[in-house]
Protein backbone atom coordinates (compact mmCIF):
# COMPACT_ATOMS: atom_id res chain seq x y z
CA MET A 1 236.29 314.76 82.07
CA ARG A 2 236.82 318.55 81.48
CA VAL A 3 235.34 321.84 80.22
CA ILE A 4 238.01 322.70 77.60
CA ALA A 5 237.74 326.52 76.97
CA GLY A 6 235.67 329.39 77.67
CA THR A 7 234.48 330.35 81.57
CA TYR A 8 234.97 327.22 83.08
CA ARG A 9 237.97 326.30 81.00
CA SER A 10 240.02 323.06 83.05
CA ARG A 11 237.25 322.43 85.30
CA ARG A 12 236.15 318.57 86.06
CA LEU A 13 232.96 317.13 84.87
CA ALA A 14 231.38 313.99 86.70
CA ALA A 15 229.60 310.81 84.44
CA PRO A 16 226.97 309.15 85.16
CA ARG A 17 227.82 305.77 86.80
CA GLY A 18 227.68 302.25 84.35
CA LEU A 19 228.33 301.93 80.75
CA ALA A 20 224.54 302.96 80.13
CA THR A 21 226.60 306.54 79.08
CA ARG A 22 229.93 307.38 76.84
CA PRO A 23 230.31 310.85 77.01
CA THR A 24 232.19 312.89 74.29
CA SER A 25 235.48 312.59 74.58
CA ASP A 26 237.46 315.85 75.38
CA ARG A 27 239.58 315.37 71.98
CA LEU A 28 236.12 315.21 70.32
CA ARG A 29 234.57 318.01 71.98
CA GLU A 30 237.17 320.30 71.44
CA THR A 31 237.14 319.46 67.74
CA LEU A 32 233.27 320.13 67.59
CA PHE A 33 233.69 323.16 69.05
CA ASN A 34 236.10 324.33 67.20
CA VAL A 35 234.44 323.91 64.11
CA LEU A 36 231.18 325.88 65.89
CA ALA A 37 233.23 328.66 67.15
CA SER A 38 231.79 331.55 65.42
CA ARG A 39 228.28 330.53 65.99
CA ILE A 40 228.42 329.69 69.79
CA GLU A 41 228.28 333.50 71.34
CA GLY A 42 224.81 333.84 72.31
CA ALA A 43 223.93 330.66 70.46
CA VAL A 44 220.48 328.62 71.72
CA PHE A 45 221.93 324.71 72.16
CA VAL A 46 220.28 321.65 72.57
CA ASP A 47 221.66 318.99 73.75
CA LEU A 48 219.53 315.85 72.98
CA TYR A 49 220.56 312.68 75.01
CA ALA A 50 223.04 314.80 77.17
CA GLY A 51 224.12 312.30 79.68
CA SER A 52 226.89 314.24 82.19
CA GLY A 53 225.70 317.91 79.83
CA ALA A 54 229.28 317.69 78.96
CA VAL A 55 228.17 319.49 75.19
CA GLY A 56 225.96 321.74 76.30
CA ILE A 57 228.15 322.94 79.72
CA GLU A 58 231.00 323.16 77.02
CA ALA A 59 228.55 325.85 75.05
CA LEU A 60 227.86 327.58 78.38
CA SER A 61 230.92 328.28 78.36
CA ARG A 62 231.94 329.28 75.10
CA GLY A 63 228.66 332.02 75.09
CA ALA A 64 225.69 330.13 74.26
CA LYS A 65 222.66 332.46 75.60
CA LEU A 66 220.45 329.59 76.14
CA VAL A 67 221.12 325.55 76.75
CA HIS A 68 218.56 322.97 76.74
CA PHE A 69 219.71 319.76 78.08
CA VAL A 70 217.77 316.60 77.56
CA ASP A 71 218.01 313.39 78.64
CA LYS A 72 215.17 310.96 80.46
CA ALA A 73 217.75 308.78 82.48
CA SER A 74 217.42 309.59 85.86
CA PRO A 75 221.70 309.05 86.99
CA ALA A 76 222.05 311.28 83.77
CA VAL A 77 219.60 314.07 84.78
CA ALA A 78 221.27 313.75 88.39
CA ALA A 79 224.64 314.29 86.49
CA ILE A 80 224.04 317.18 84.73
CA ARG A 81 222.30 319.31 87.77
CA SER A 82 225.42 317.82 89.84
CA ASN A 83 228.02 319.04 87.11
CA LEU A 84 225.43 322.88 86.51
CA ALA A 85 225.83 322.73 90.60
CA ALA A 86 229.15 322.58 90.79
CA LEU A 87 230.53 324.84 88.32
CA GLU A 88 227.70 327.56 90.05
CA ILE A 89 225.98 327.60 86.88
CA ARG A 90 222.97 329.23 87.96
CA SER A 91 221.05 331.11 84.76
CA GLY A 92 221.14 330.01 80.78
CA PHE A 93 219.74 326.74 81.07
CA GLU A 94 216.38 323.77 81.18
CA VAL A 95 217.28 320.85 81.92
CA GLU A 96 214.63 318.59 80.17
CA ALA A 97 213.56 315.13 82.10
CA MET A 98 212.03 313.63 79.50
CA SER A 99 211.90 311.79 76.43
CA VAL A 100 213.68 313.57 73.01
CA ALA A 101 210.27 313.14 71.28
CA SER A 102 208.52 314.99 74.00
CA ALA A 103 211.06 317.85 74.29
CA LEU A 104 211.12 318.52 70.81
CA GLY A 105 207.85 319.59 70.68
CA ARG A 106 208.91 322.33 73.45
CA PHE A 107 211.57 323.96 71.44
CA PHE A 108 211.91 326.60 68.74
CA ALA A 109 214.21 328.67 66.73
CA ALA A 110 217.30 326.89 68.06
CA THR A 111 220.69 327.42 66.92
CA ILE A 112 222.46 324.37 67.07
CA ILE A 113 220.93 320.94 67.71
CA PHE A 114 223.48 318.37 69.01
CA LEU A 115 222.16 314.70 69.70
CA ASP A 116 224.47 311.88 71.09
CA PRO A 117 222.11 308.40 71.06
CA PRO A 118 223.53 305.37 73.26
CA TYR A 119 225.71 303.87 70.14
CA GLU A 120 223.74 300.60 70.44
CA ALA A 121 220.61 302.76 69.90
CA ALA A 122 220.79 302.84 66.53
CA GLY A 123 217.07 303.45 66.10
CA GLU A 124 217.38 306.71 67.68
CA TYR A 125 219.31 308.28 65.14
CA GLU A 126 216.60 307.65 62.55
CA ARG A 127 213.79 308.81 64.50
CA THR A 128 215.45 312.33 66.38
CA LEU A 129 216.61 313.05 62.90
CA SER A 130 213.68 312.48 60.90
CA LEU A 131 211.62 313.86 63.63
CA ILE A 132 213.84 316.81 63.62
CA GLY A 133 213.69 317.00 59.88
CA GLU A 134 210.46 317.26 59.87
CA GLU A 135 210.15 320.30 61.56
CA ALA A 136 212.76 322.14 61.00
CA ALA A 137 211.18 325.37 60.02
CA SER A 138 210.30 325.53 63.62
CA LEU A 139 212.74 324.07 65.36
CA LEU A 140 215.71 325.47 63.93
CA THR A 141 216.61 329.29 62.63
CA SER A 142 217.27 329.61 59.38
CA ASP A 143 221.08 329.49 59.42
CA GLY A 144 220.59 326.59 62.42
CA ILE A 145 222.28 323.43 62.60
CA VAL A 146 221.97 319.92 63.31
CA ILE A 147 225.48 317.85 64.62
CA ALA A 148 225.20 313.92 65.30
CA GLU A 149 227.83 312.29 67.11
CA HIS A 150 227.86 308.44 65.73
CA SER A 151 229.83 305.29 65.69
CA ARG A 152 231.75 305.79 62.85
CA LYS A 153 230.55 302.76 61.48
CA THR A 154 227.35 304.09 61.65
CA LYS A 155 226.61 305.40 58.40
CA LEU A 156 223.99 308.02 58.63
CA ALA A 157 221.75 309.32 55.57
CA GLU A 158 222.47 312.61 53.87
CA ARG A 159 218.83 313.63 54.03
CA TYR A 160 216.53 313.41 57.09
CA GLY A 161 213.16 315.45 55.94
CA ALA A 162 214.68 319.07 55.27
CA LEU A 163 217.67 318.30 56.71
CA ALA A 164 221.03 317.72 55.02
CA ARG A 165 224.09 316.74 55.32
CA TYR A 166 227.32 318.98 54.14
CA ARG A 167 229.96 317.39 56.68
CA VAL A 168 231.18 314.63 57.94
CA LEU A 169 234.16 314.65 60.32
CA GLU A 170 235.62 311.44 61.51
CA GLN A 171 237.61 311.02 64.44
CA GLY A 172 238.92 307.54 66.24
CA ASP A 173 236.06 305.88 66.60
CA ALA A 174 233.78 308.44 66.44
CA ALA A 175 232.55 310.72 64.14
CA LEU A 176 230.33 314.10 63.75
CA SER A 177 227.77 314.47 61.14
CA PHE A 178 226.25 318.09 60.44
CA TYR A 179 223.50 318.95 58.58
CA THR A 180 221.45 321.97 57.45
CA ARG A 181 217.99 323.27 56.20
């Protein structure tokens, strides 16, 4: 796993050991950030279920102003901190070692919220997207977006509260669902 582009381009990233974390593939991250290219510079980016932190680090590498990494698993939090230290990233981020539900109450006016719960935890999609949809007015900027990475076989709803899906990209076994207010 590596950083695709930007300041930290081609630098390697470590993932937590074991099968509990499924890092977003380099190819899917490249696709995601090609779509987000015009929105990243100066963005406030929230990386929920951050795992290794690869998606949030990619956002920092490409010019995000601030990234919130959220994961409650100790191995994931350790991997995020290790990757940030290895890349000598000392500012522009917060690592939140807590549940996503707890963390969502602490953020406001995010430009982009990315979520990638474990595929086998299908209920997390419904819970998290519903929470964001209920609080969208305070969690997202007026033009803010939410992106959920999920298994291609998992069908997410078209709407979650104030969130409406406007795009789905499929790549291999994975899919990205894009939502806006």
